[in-house]
Every structure is written in structure tokens, then in C-alpha cells.
């Protein structure tokens, strides 16, 4: 979309900021609206990662591993978003 005009690498750096903000907001489970907003921001950033990382990997990977590298990236991002929520469930 329009955000990807700034470049794939800069989009990934911008998404890192949203991940940090969303994760920090999830550290306050007693304030319900802040917790829900943190989950929402984190979810948007995780969705952006799945788009930006796959495109970035597919553009930079060698031809022989291009497809499998993109698929492995999506699996890794999905598993990586599961870990903080599991930690939050144990913590709370």
C-alpha cells in the first residue's frame, strides 16, 4: 500500500515501533482499555510483519530458496506472536 513507498526496510523498522508500543501497553492488564488497545496495536503490527517480511525476504533471497524462505518467514512471525501472548497468560 501507500506505506510501502518508503521502502521495505523502513516499513519493518516502523513496525518494530508498533510492536514495542503494543507490548508495553499489554504490561498493564489492570487497565482494561489500555490492555485491549495494546493487543490491537500488536495485532496490526504482526499483520504488517507478515506482509513486509515476506516481500522483503522474497526480494533479497536467492532464487533457489525464495519460496521456502518466504513460507518459513510467515510461520516464524506467527509463532513469534504466539509467545508474548502465552507469557502474558502465564503472568496474569
PDB file of N, CA and C in Angstrom:
ATOM      1  N   UNK A   1       0.806  -1.187   0.000  1.00  0.00           N
ATOM      2  CA  UNK A   1       0.000   0.000   0.000  1.00  0.00           C
ATOM      3  C   UNK A   1       0.852   1.254   0.000  1.00  0.00           C
ATOM      4  N   UNK A   2       0.273   2.336   0.410  1.00  0.00           N
ATOM      5  CA  UNK A   2       0.979   3.619   0.411  1.00  0.00           C
ATOM      6  C   UNK A   2       2.174   3.650   1.358  1.00  0.00           C
ATOM      7  N   UNK A   3       2.132   2.864   2.428  1.00  0.00           N
ATOM      8  CA  UNK A   3       3.237   2.866   3.392  1.00  0.00           C
ATOM      9  C   UNK A   3       4.484   2.234   2.785  1.00  0.00           C
ATOM     10  N   UNK A   4       4.299   1.261   1.895  1.00  0.00           N
ATOM     11  CA  UNK A   4       5.455   0.560   1.342  1.00  0.00           C
ATOM     12  C   UNK A   4       6.263   1.419   0.381  1.00  0.00           C
ATOM     13  N   UNK A   5       5.813   2.625   0.088  1.00  0.00           N
ATOM     14  CA  UNK A   5       6.580   3.532  -0.773  1.00  0.00           C
ATOM     15  C   UNK A   5       7.837   4.050  -0.080  1.00  0.00           C
ATOM     16  N   UNK A   6       7.873   3.961   1.258  1.00  0.00           N
ATOM     17  CA  UNK A   6       9.071   4.421   1.968  1.00  0.00           C
ATOM     18  C   UNK A   6      10.153   3.359   1.979  1.00  0.00           C
ATOM     19  N   UNK A   7       9.855   2.184   1.456  1.00  0.00           N
ATOM     20  CA  UNK A   7      10.838   1.109   1.398  1.00  0.00           C
ATOM     21  C   UNK A   7      10.515   0.005   2.374  1.00  0.00           C
ATOM     22  N   UNK A   8      10.849  -1.216   2.005  1.00  0.00           N
ATOM     23  CA  UNK A   8      10.526  -2.371   2.838  1.00  0.00           C
ATOM     24  C   UNK A   8      11.270  -2.325   4.171  1.00  0.00           C
ATOM     25  N   UNK A   9      12.533  -1.948   4.126  1.00  0.00           N
ATOM     26  CA  UNK A   9      13.342  -1.920   5.356  1.00  0.00           C
ATOM     27  C   UNK A   9      12.801  -0.881   6.336  1.00  0.00           C
ATOM     28  N   UNK A  10      12.459   0.287   5.845  1.00  0.00           N
ATOM     29  CA  UNK A  10      11.914   1.327   6.737  1.00  0.00           C
ATOM     30  C   UNK A  10      10.543   0.933   7.277  1.00  0.00           C
ATOM     31  N   UNK A  11       9.767   0.215   6.474  1.00  0.00           N
ATOM     32  CA  UNK A  11       8.474  -0.279   6.961  1.00  0.00           C
ATOM     33  C   UNK A  11       8.667  -1.260   8.108  1.00  0.00           C
ATOM     34  N   UNK A  12       9.670  -2.112   7.995  1.00  0.00           N
ATOM     35  CA  UNK A  12       9.946  -3.054   9.083  1.00  0.00           C
ATOM     36  C   UNK A  12      10.391  -2.326  10.347  1.00  0.00           C
ATOM     37  N   UNK A  13      11.199  -1.289  10.190  1.00  0.00           N
ATOM     38  CA  UNK A  13      11.627  -0.511  11.361  1.00  0.00           C
ATOM     39  C   UNK A  13      10.445   0.209  12.000  1.00  0.00           C
ATOM     40  N   UNK A  14       9.538   0.726  11.194  1.00  0.00           N
ATOM     41  CA  UNK A  14       8.345   1.388  11.716  1.00  0.00           C
ATOM     42  C   UNK A  14       7.460   0.389  12.456  1.00  0.00           C
ATOM     43  N   UNK A  15       7.345  -0.802  11.926  1.00  0.00           N
ATOM     44  CA  UNK A  15       6.545  -1.841  12.562  1.00  0.00           C
ATOM     45  C   UNK A  15       7.164  -2.269  13.889  1.00  0.00           C
ATOM     46  N   UNK A  16       8.495  -2.243  14.002  1.00  0.00           N
ATOM     47  CA  UNK A  16       9.154  -2.535  15.286  1.00  0.00           C
ATOM     48  C   UNK A  16       8.664  -1.585  16.368  1.00  0.00           C
ATOM     49  N   UNK A  17       8.500  -0.322  16.027  1.00  0.00           N
ATOM     50  CA  UNK A  17       7.997   0.653  16.996  1.00  0.00           C
ATOM     51  C   UNK A  17       6.602   0.307  17.478  1.00  0.00           C
ATOM     52  N   UNK A  18       5.739  -0.137  16.557  1.00  0.00           N
ATOM     53  CA  UNK A  18       4.385  -0.526  16.953  1.00  0.00           C
ATOM     54  C   UNK A  18       4.387  -1.774  17.835  1.00  0.00           C
ATOM     55  N   UNK A  19       5.299  -2.694  17.559  1.00  0.00           N
ATOM     56  CA  UNK A  19       5.409  -3.895  18.405  1.00  0.00           C
ATOM     57  C   UNK A  19       5.820  -3.509  19.823  1.00  0.00           C
ATOM     58  N   UNK A  20       6.781  -2.612  19.942  1.00  0.00           N
ATOM     59  CA  UNK A  20       7.238  -2.176  21.266  1.00  0.00           C
ATOM     60  C   UNK A  20       6.119  -1.465  22.015  1.00  0.00           C
ATOM     61  N   UNK A  21       5.403  -0.579  21.336  1.00  0.00           N
ATOM     62  CA  UNK A  21       4.308   0.158  21.979  1.00  0.00           C
ATOM     63  C   UNK A  21       3.198  -0.797  22.408  1.00  0.00           C
ATOM     64  N   UNK A  22       2.800  -1.702  21.511  1.00  0.00           N
ATOM     65  CA  UNK A  22       1.739  -2.655  21.849  1.00  0.00           C
ATOM     66  C   UNK A  22       2.121  -3.579  22.981  1.00  0.00           C
ATOM     67  N   UNK A  23       3.364  -4.046  22.981  1.00  0.00           N
ATOM     68  CA  UNK A  23       3.818  -4.932  24.056  1.00  0.00           C
ATOM     69  C   UNK A  23       3.889  -4.192  25.383  1.00  0.00           C
ATOM     70  N   UNK A  24       4.326  -2.960  25.361  1.00  0.00           N
ATOM     71  CA  UNK A  24       4.402  -2.179  26.601  1.00  0.00           C
ATOM     72  C   UNK A  24       3.008  -1.919  27.165  1.00  0.00           C
ATOM     73  N   UNK A  25       2.044  -1.678  26.290  1.00  0.00           N
ATOM     74  CA  UNK A  25       0.681  -1.434  26.763  1.00  0.00           C
ATOM     75  C   UNK A  25       0.055  -2.701  27.336  1.00  0.00           C
ATOM     76  N   UNK A  26       0.473  -3.858  26.873  1.00  0.00           N
ATOM     77  CA  UNK A  26      -0.058  -5.127  27.394  1.00  0.00           C
ATOM     78  C   UNK A  26       0.502  -5.462  28.768  1.00  0.00           C
ATOM     79  N   UNK A  27       1.478  -4.737  29.229  1.00  0.00           N
ATOM     80  CA  UNK A  27       2.055  -4.983  30.555  1.00  0.00           C
ATOM     81  C   UNK A  27       1.182  -4.428  31.674  1.00  0.00           C
ATOM     82  N   UNK A  28       0.095  -3.751  31.337  1.00  0.00           N
ATOM     83  CA  UNK A  28      -0.810  -3.177  32.332  1.00  0.00           C
ATOM     84  C   UNK A  28      -2.184  -3.828  32.212  1.00  0.00           C
ATOM     85  N   UNK A  29      -2.306  -5.099  32.647  1.00  0.00           N
ATOM     86  CA  UNK A  29      -3.590  -5.792  32.460  1.00  0.00           C
ATOM     87  C   UNK A  29      -4.711  -5.270  33.353  1.00  0.00           C
ATOM     88  N   UNK A  30      -4.383  -4.517  34.397  1.00  0.00           N
ATOM     89  CA  UNK A  30      -5.425  -4.000  35.294  1.00  0.00           C
ATOM     90  C   UNK A  30      -6.239  -2.881  34.634  1.00  0.00           C
ATOM     91  N   UNK A  31      -5.627  -2.184  33.684  1.00  0.00           N
ATOM     92  CA  UNK A  31      -6.327  -1.122  32.956  1.00  0.00           C
ATOM     93  C   UNK A  31      -6.841  -1.750  31.659  1.00  0.00           C
ATOM     94  N   UNK A  32      -8.104  -2.131  31.655  1.00  0.00           N
ATOM     95  CA  UNK A  32      -8.649  -2.936  30.570  1.00  0.00           C
ATOM     96  C   UNK A  32      -8.527  -2.271  29.202  1.00  0.00           C
ATOM     97  N   UNK A  33      -8.833  -0.984  29.109  1.00  0.00           N
ATOM     98  CA  UNK A  33      -8.822  -0.327  27.807  1.00  0.00           C
ATOM     99  C   UNK A  33      -7.398  -0.244  27.252  1.00  0.00           C
ATOM    100  N   UNK A  34      -6.426  -0.039  28.139  1.00  0.00           N
ATOM    101  CA  UNK A  34      -5.037   0.018  27.690  1.00  0.00           C
ATOM    102  C   UNK A  34      -4.562  -1.359  27.233  1.00  0.00           C
ATOM    103  N   UNK A  35      -4.969  -2.388  27.935  1.00  0.00           N
ATOM    104  CA  UNK A  35      -4.607  -3.757  27.568  1.00  0.00           C
ATOM    105  C   UNK A  35      -5.205  -4.125  26.210  1.00  0.00           C
ATOM    106  N   UNK A  36      -6.469  -3.809  26.012  1.00  0.00           N
ATOM    107  CA  UNK A  36      -7.125  -4.121  24.738  1.00  0.00           C
ATOM    108  C   UNK A  36      -6.528  -3.320  23.589  1.00  0.00           C
ATOM    109  N   UNK A  37      -6.217  -2.070  23.828  1.00  0.00           N
ATOM    110  CA  UNK A  37      -5.594  -1.248  22.797  1.00  0.00           C
ATOM    111  C   UNK A  37      -4.198  -1.775  22.466  1.00  0.00           C
ATOM    112  N   UNK A  38      -3.463  -2.245  23.476  1.00  0.00           N
ATOM    113  CA  UNK A  38      -2.152  -2.832  23.242  1.00  0.00           C
ATOM    114  C   UNK A  38      -2.229  -4.092  22.400  1.00  0.00           C
ATOM    115  N   UNK A  39      -3.225  -4.932  22.673  1.00  0.00           N
ATOM    116  CA  UNK A  39      -3.414  -6.137  21.871  1.00  0.00           C
ATOM    117  C   UNK A  39      -3.761  -5.756  20.431  1.00  0.00           C
ATOM    118  N   UNK A  40      -4.592  -4.742  20.261  1.00  0.00           N
ATOM    119  CA  UNK A  40      -4.978  -4.301  18.913  1.00  0.00           C
ATOM    120  C   UNK A  40      -3.775  -3.777  18.137  1.00  0.00           C
ATOM    121  N   UNK A  41      -2.961  -2.932  18.772  1.00  0.00           N
ATOM    122  CA  UNK A  41      -1.774  -2.385  18.109  1.00  0.00           C
ATOM    123  C   UNK A  41      -0.783  -3.503  17.781  1.00  0.00           C
ATOM    124  N   UNK A  42      -0.601  -4.418  18.710  1.00  0.00           N
ATOM    125  CA  UNK A  42       0.304  -5.546  18.477  1.00  0.00           C
ATOM    126  C   UNK A  42      -0.192  -6.413  17.320  1.00  0.00           C
ATOM    127  N   UNK A  43      -1.490  -6.634  17.255  1.00  0.00           N
ATOM    128  CA  UNK A  43      -2.060  -7.428  16.170  1.00  0.00           C
ATOM    129  C   UNK A  43      -1.884  -6.769  14.814  1.00  0.00           C
ATOM    130  N   UNK A  44      -2.069  -5.452  14.752  1.00  0.00           N
ATOM    131  CA  UNK A  44      -1.830  -4.737  13.496  1.00  0.00           C
ATOM    132  C   UNK A  44      -0.374  -4.841  13.066  1.00  0.00           C
ATOM    133  N   UNK A  45       0.524  -4.712  14.023  1.00  0.00           N
ATOM    134  CA  UNK A  45       1.951  -4.805  13.705  1.00  0.00           C
ATOM    135  C   UNK A  45       2.321  -6.216  13.258  1.00  0.00           C
ATOM    136  N   UNK A  46       1.734  -7.228  13.878  1.00  0.00           N
ATOM    137  CA  UNK A  46       2.017  -8.607  13.463  1.00  0.00           C
ATOM    138  C   UNK A  46       1.523  -8.853  12.046  1.00  0.00           C
ATOM    139  N   UNK A  47       0.372  -8.291  11.703  1.00  0.00           N
ATOM    140  CA  UNK A  47      -0.121  -8.406  10.334  1.00  0.00           C
ATOM    141  C   UNK A  47       0.779  -7.697   9.340  1.00  0.00           C
ATOM    142  N   UNK A  48       1.292  -6.530   9.734  1.00  0.00           N
ATOM    143  CA  UNK A  48       2.228  -5.809   8.864  1.00  0.00           C
ATOM    144  C   UNK A  48       3.512  -6.604   8.666  1.00  0.00           C
ATOM    145  N   UNK A  49       3.987  -7.249   9.733  1.00  0.00           N
ATOM    146  CA  UNK A  49       5.180  -8.080   9.612  1.00  0.00           C
ATOM    147  C   UNK A  49       4.985  -9.193   8.594  1.00  0.00           C
ATOM    148  N   UNK A  50       3.817  -9.814   8.626  1.00  0.00           N
ATOM    149  CA  UNK A  50       3.588 -10.915   7.699  1.00  0.00           C
ATOM    150  C   UNK A  50       3.618 -10.441   6.256  1.00  0.00           C
ATOM    151  N   UNK A  51       3.214  -9.222   6.013  1.00  0.00           N
ATOM    152  CA  UNK A  51       3.253  -8.687   4.643  1.00  0.00           C
ATOM    153  C   UNK A  51       4.659  -8.214   4.294  1.00  0.00           C
ATOM    154  N   UNK A  52       5.225  -7.347   5.129  1.00  0.00           N
ATOM    155  CA  UNK A  52       6.507  -6.716   4.800  1.00  0.00           C
ATOM    156  C   UNK A  52       7.669  -7.703   4.806  1.00  0.00           C
ATOM    157  N   UNK A  53       7.703  -8.588   5.810  1.00  0.00           N
ATOM    158  CA  UNK A  53       8.818  -9.538   5.897  1.00  0.00           C
ATOM    159  C   UNK A  53       8.827 -10.498   4.720  1.00  0.00           C
ATOM    160  N   UNK A  54       7.668 -10.986   4.355  1.00  0.00           N
ATOM    161  CA  UNK A  54       7.610 -11.927   3.240  1.00  0.00           C
ATOM    162  C   UNK A  54       8.067 -11.274   1.947  1.00  0.00           C
ATOM    163  N   UNK A  55       7.626 -10.042   1.701  1.00  0.00           N
ATOM    164  CA  UNK A  55       8.053  -9.339   0.486  1.00  0.00           C
ATOM    165  C   UNK A  55       9.547  -9.039   0.532  1.00  0.00           C
ATOM    166  N   UNK A  56      10.041  -8.632   1.689  1.00  0.00           N
ATOM    167  CA  UNK A  56      11.461  -8.305   1.824  1.00  0.00           C
ATOM    168  C   UNK A  56      12.330  -9.545   1.614  1.00  0.00           C
ATOM    169  N   UNK A  57      11.939 -10.660   2.213  1.00  0.00           N
ATOM    170  CA  UNK A  57      12.696 -11.909   2.058  1.00  0.00           C
ATOM    171  C   UNK A  57      12.646 -12.390   0.607  1.00  0.00           C
ATOM    172  N   UNK A  58      11.475 -12.338  -0.007  1.00  0.00           N
ATOM    173  CA  UNK A  58      11.352 -12.800  -1.390  1.00  0.00           C
ATOM    174  C   UNK A  58      12.158 -11.938  -2.362  1.00  0.00           C
ATOM    175  N   UNK A  59      12.375 -10.683  -2.038  1.00  0.00           N
ATOM    176  CA  UNK A  59      13.169  -9.818  -2.907  1.00  0.00           C
ATOM    177  C   UNK A  59      14.665 -10.015  -2.714  1.00  0.00           C
ATOM    178  N   UNK A  60      15.078 -10.407  -1.520  1.00  0.00           N
ATOM    179  CA  UNK A  60      16.514 -10.482  -1.236  1.00  0.00           C
ATOM    180  C   UNK A  60      17.074 -11.898  -1.248  1.00  0.00           C
ATOM    181  N   UNK A  61      16.210 -12.921  -1.181  1.00  0.00           N
ATOM    182  CA  UNK A  61      16.690 -14.306  -1.126  1.00  0.00           C
ATOM    183  C   UNK A  61      17.118 -14.783  -2.518  1.00  0.00           C
ATOM    184  N   UNK A  62      18.075 -15.724  -2.578  1.00  0.00           N
ATOM    185  CA  UNK A  62      18.440 -16.321  -3.867  1.00  0.00           C
ATOM    186  C   UNK A  62      17.247 -17.073  -4.471  1.00  0.00           C
ATOM    187  N   UNK A  63      17.248 -17.223  -5.775  1.00  0.00           N
ATOM    188  CA  UNK A  63      16.114 -17.818  -6.484  1.00  0.00           C
ATOM    189  C   UNK A  63      15.783 -19.234  -6.008  1.00  0.00           C
ATOM    190  N   UNK A  64      16.783 -20.038  -5.673  1.00  0.00           N
ATOM    191  CA  UNK A  64      16.525 -21.432  -5.333  1.00  0.00           C
ATOM    192  C   UNK A  64      15.841 -21.613  -3.972  1.00  0.00           C
ATOM    193  N   UNK A  65      15.931 -20.629  -3.079  1.00  0.00           N
ATOM    194  CA  UNK A  65      15.291 -20.747  -1.766  1.00  0.00           C
ATOM    195  C   UNK A  65      14.205 -19.699  -1.549  1.00  0.00           C
ATOM    196  N   UNK A  66      13.831 -18.992  -2.568  1.00  0.00           N
ATOM    197  CA  UNK A  66      12.911 -17.862  -2.431  1.00  0.00           C
ATOM    198  C   UNK A  66      11.554 -18.273  -1.859  1.00  0.00           C
ATOM    199  N   UNK A  67      10.925 -19.289  -2.384  1.00  0.00           N
ATOM    200  CA  UNK A  67       9.595 -19.690  -1.920  1.00  0.00           C
ATOM    201  C   UNK A  67       9.592 -20.247  -0.513  1.00  0.00           C
ATOM    202  N   UNK A  68      10.535 -21.128  -0.225  1.00  0.00           N
ATOM    203  CA  UNK A  68      10.579 -21.722   1.108  1.00  0.00           C
ATOM    204  C   UNK A  68      11.001 -20.698   2.168  1.00  0.00           C
ATOM    205  N   UNK A  69      11.835 -19.751   1.803  1.00  0.00           N
ATOM    206  CA  UNK A  69      12.233 -18.716   2.764  1.00  0.00           C
ATOM    207  C   UNK A  69      11.048 -17.822   3.113  1.00  0.00           C
ATOM    208  N   UNK A  70      10.221 -17.494   2.145  1.00  0.00           N
ATOM    209  CA  UNK A  70       9.035 -16.683   2.418  1.00  0.00           C
ATOM    210  C   UNK A  70       8.031 -17.414   3.295  1.00  0.00           C
ATOM    211  N   UNK A  71       7.847 -18.719   3.025  1.00  0.00           N
ATOM    212  CA  UNK A  71       6.921 -19.507   3.839  1.00  0.00           C
ATOM    213  C   UNK A  71       7.430 -19.663   5.265  1.00  0.00           C
ATOM    214  N   UNK A  72       8.720 -19.904   5.425  1.00  0.00           N
ATOM    215  CA  UNK A  72       9.298 -20.042   6.760  1.00  0.00           C
ATOM    216  C   UNK A  72       9.200 -18.726   7.534  1.00  0.00           C
ATOM    217  N   UNK A  73       9.302 -17.617   6.831  1.00  0.00           N
ATOM    218  CA  UNK A  73       9.161 -16.311   7.473  1.00  0.00           C
ATOM    219  C   UNK A  73       7.764 -16.144   8.047  1.00  0.00           C
ATOM    220  N   UNK A  74       6.744 -16.530   7.290  1.00  0.00           N
ATOM    221  CA  UNK A  74       5.379 -16.398   7.792  1.00  0.00           C
ATOM    222  C   UNK A  74       5.128 -17.299   9.000  1.00  0.00           C
ATOM    223  N   UNK A  75       5.648 -18.510   8.964  1.00  0.00           N
ATOM    224  CA  UNK A  75       5.492 -19.415  10.101  1.00  0.00           C
ATOM    225  C   UNK A  75       6.209 -18.837  11.328  1.00  0.00           C
ATOM    226  N   UNK A  76       7.389 -18.286  11.139  1.00  0.00           N
ATOM    227  CA  UNK A  76       8.162 -17.718  12.257  1.00  0.00           C
ATOM    228  C   UNK A  76       7.466 -16.509  12.865  1.00  0.00           C
ATOM    229  N   UNK A  77       6.898 -15.663  12.034  1.00  0.00           N
ATOM    230  CA  UNK A  77       6.196 -14.483  12.554  1.00  0.00           C
ATOM    231  C   UNK A  77       4.951 -14.902  13.328  1.00  0.00           C
ATOM    232  N   UNK A  78       4.239 -15.882  12.830  1.00  0.00           N
ATOM    233  CA  UNK A  78       3.043 -16.363  13.524  1.00  0.00           C
ATOM    234  C   UNK A  78       3.407 -16.979  14.868  1.00  0.00           C
ATOM    235  N   UNK A  79       4.446 -17.804  14.903  1.00  0.00           N
ATOM    236  CA  UNK A  79       4.886 -18.407  16.158  1.00  0.00           C
ATOM    237  C   UNK A  79       5.434 -17.338  17.098  1.00  0.00           C
ATOM    238  N   UNK A  80       6.116 -16.356  16.549  1.00  0.00           N
ATOM    239  CA  UNK A  80       6.663 -15.273  17.367  1.00  0.00           C
ATOM    240  C   UNK A  80       5.604 -14.400  17.996  1.00  0.00           C
ATOM    241  N   UNK A  81       4.452 -14.277  17.383  1.00  0.00           N
ATOM    242  CA  UNK A  81       3.373 -13.508  18.005  1.00  0.00           C
ATOM    243  C   UNK A  81       2.625 -14.329  19.045  1.00  0.00           C
ATOM    244  N   UNK A  82       2.750 -15.644  18.985  1.00  0.00           N
ATOM    245  CA  UNK A  82       2.115 -16.505  19.973  1.00  0.00           C
ATOM    246  C   UNK A  82       2.854 -16.461  21.312  1.00  0.00           C
ATOM    247  N   UNK A  83       4.153 -16.333  21.293  1.00  0.00           N
ATOM    248  CA  UNK A  83       4.966 -16.379  22.516  1.00  0.00           C
ATOM    249  C   UNK A  83       4.619 -15.252  23.495  1.00  0.00           C
ATOM    250  N   UNK A  84       4.548 -13.974  23.079  1.00  0.00           N
ATOM    251  CA  UNK A  84       4.206 -12.929  24.063  1.00  0.00           C
ATOM    252  C   UNK A  84       2.821 -13.111  24.675  1.00  0.00           C
ATOM    253  N   UNK A  85       1.868 -13.595  23.889  1.00  0.00           N
ATOM    254  CA  UNK A  85       0.537 -13.811  24.455  1.00  0.00           C
ATOM    255  C   UNK A  85       0.536 -14.972  25.443  1.00  0.00           C
ATOM    256  N   UNK A  86       1.334 -15.997  25.183  1.00  0.00           N
ATOM    257  CA  UNK A  86       1.450 -17.100  26.133  1.00  0.00           C
ATOM    258  C   UNK A  86       2.103 -16.623  27.434  1.00  0.00           C
ATOM    259  N   UNK A  87       3.123 -15.781  27.302  1.00  0.00           N
ATOM    260  CA  UNK A  87       3.777 -15.228  28.501  1.00  0.00           C
ATOM    261  C   UNK A  87       2.804 -14.366  29.280  1.00  0.00           C
ATOM    262  N   UNK A  88       1.997 -13.574  28.580  1.00  0.00           N
ATOM    263  CA  UNK A  88       1.014 -12.715  29.260  1.00  0.00           C
ATOM    264  C   UNK A  88      -0.037 -13.555  29.975  1.00  0.00           C
ATOM    265  N   UNK A  89      -0.438 -14.666  29.387  1.00  0.00           N
ATOM    266  CA  UNK A  89      -1.430 -15.533  30.040  1.00  0.00           C
ATOM    267  C   UNK A  89      -0.850 -16.155  31.315  1.00  0.00           C
ATOM    268  N   UNK A  90       0.418 -16.543  31.273  1.00  0.00           N
ATOM    269  CA  UNK A  90       1.053 -17.125  32.452  1.00  0.00           C
ATOM    270  C   UNK A  90       1.258 -16.060  33.515  1.00  0.00           C
ATOM    271  N   UNK A  91       1.657 -14.865  33.087  1.00  0.00           N
ATOM    272  CA  UNK A  91       1.955 -13.774  34.005  1.00  0.00           C
ATOM    273  C   UNK A  91       0.697 -13.309  34.753  1.00  0.00           C
ATOM    274  N   UNK A  92      -0.414 -13.302  34.028  1.00  0.00           N
ATOM    275  CA  UNK A  92      -1.646 -12.798  34.654  1.00  0.00           C
ATOM    276  C   UNK A  92      -2.335 -13.942  35.312  1.00  0.00           C
TER     277      UNK A  92
END
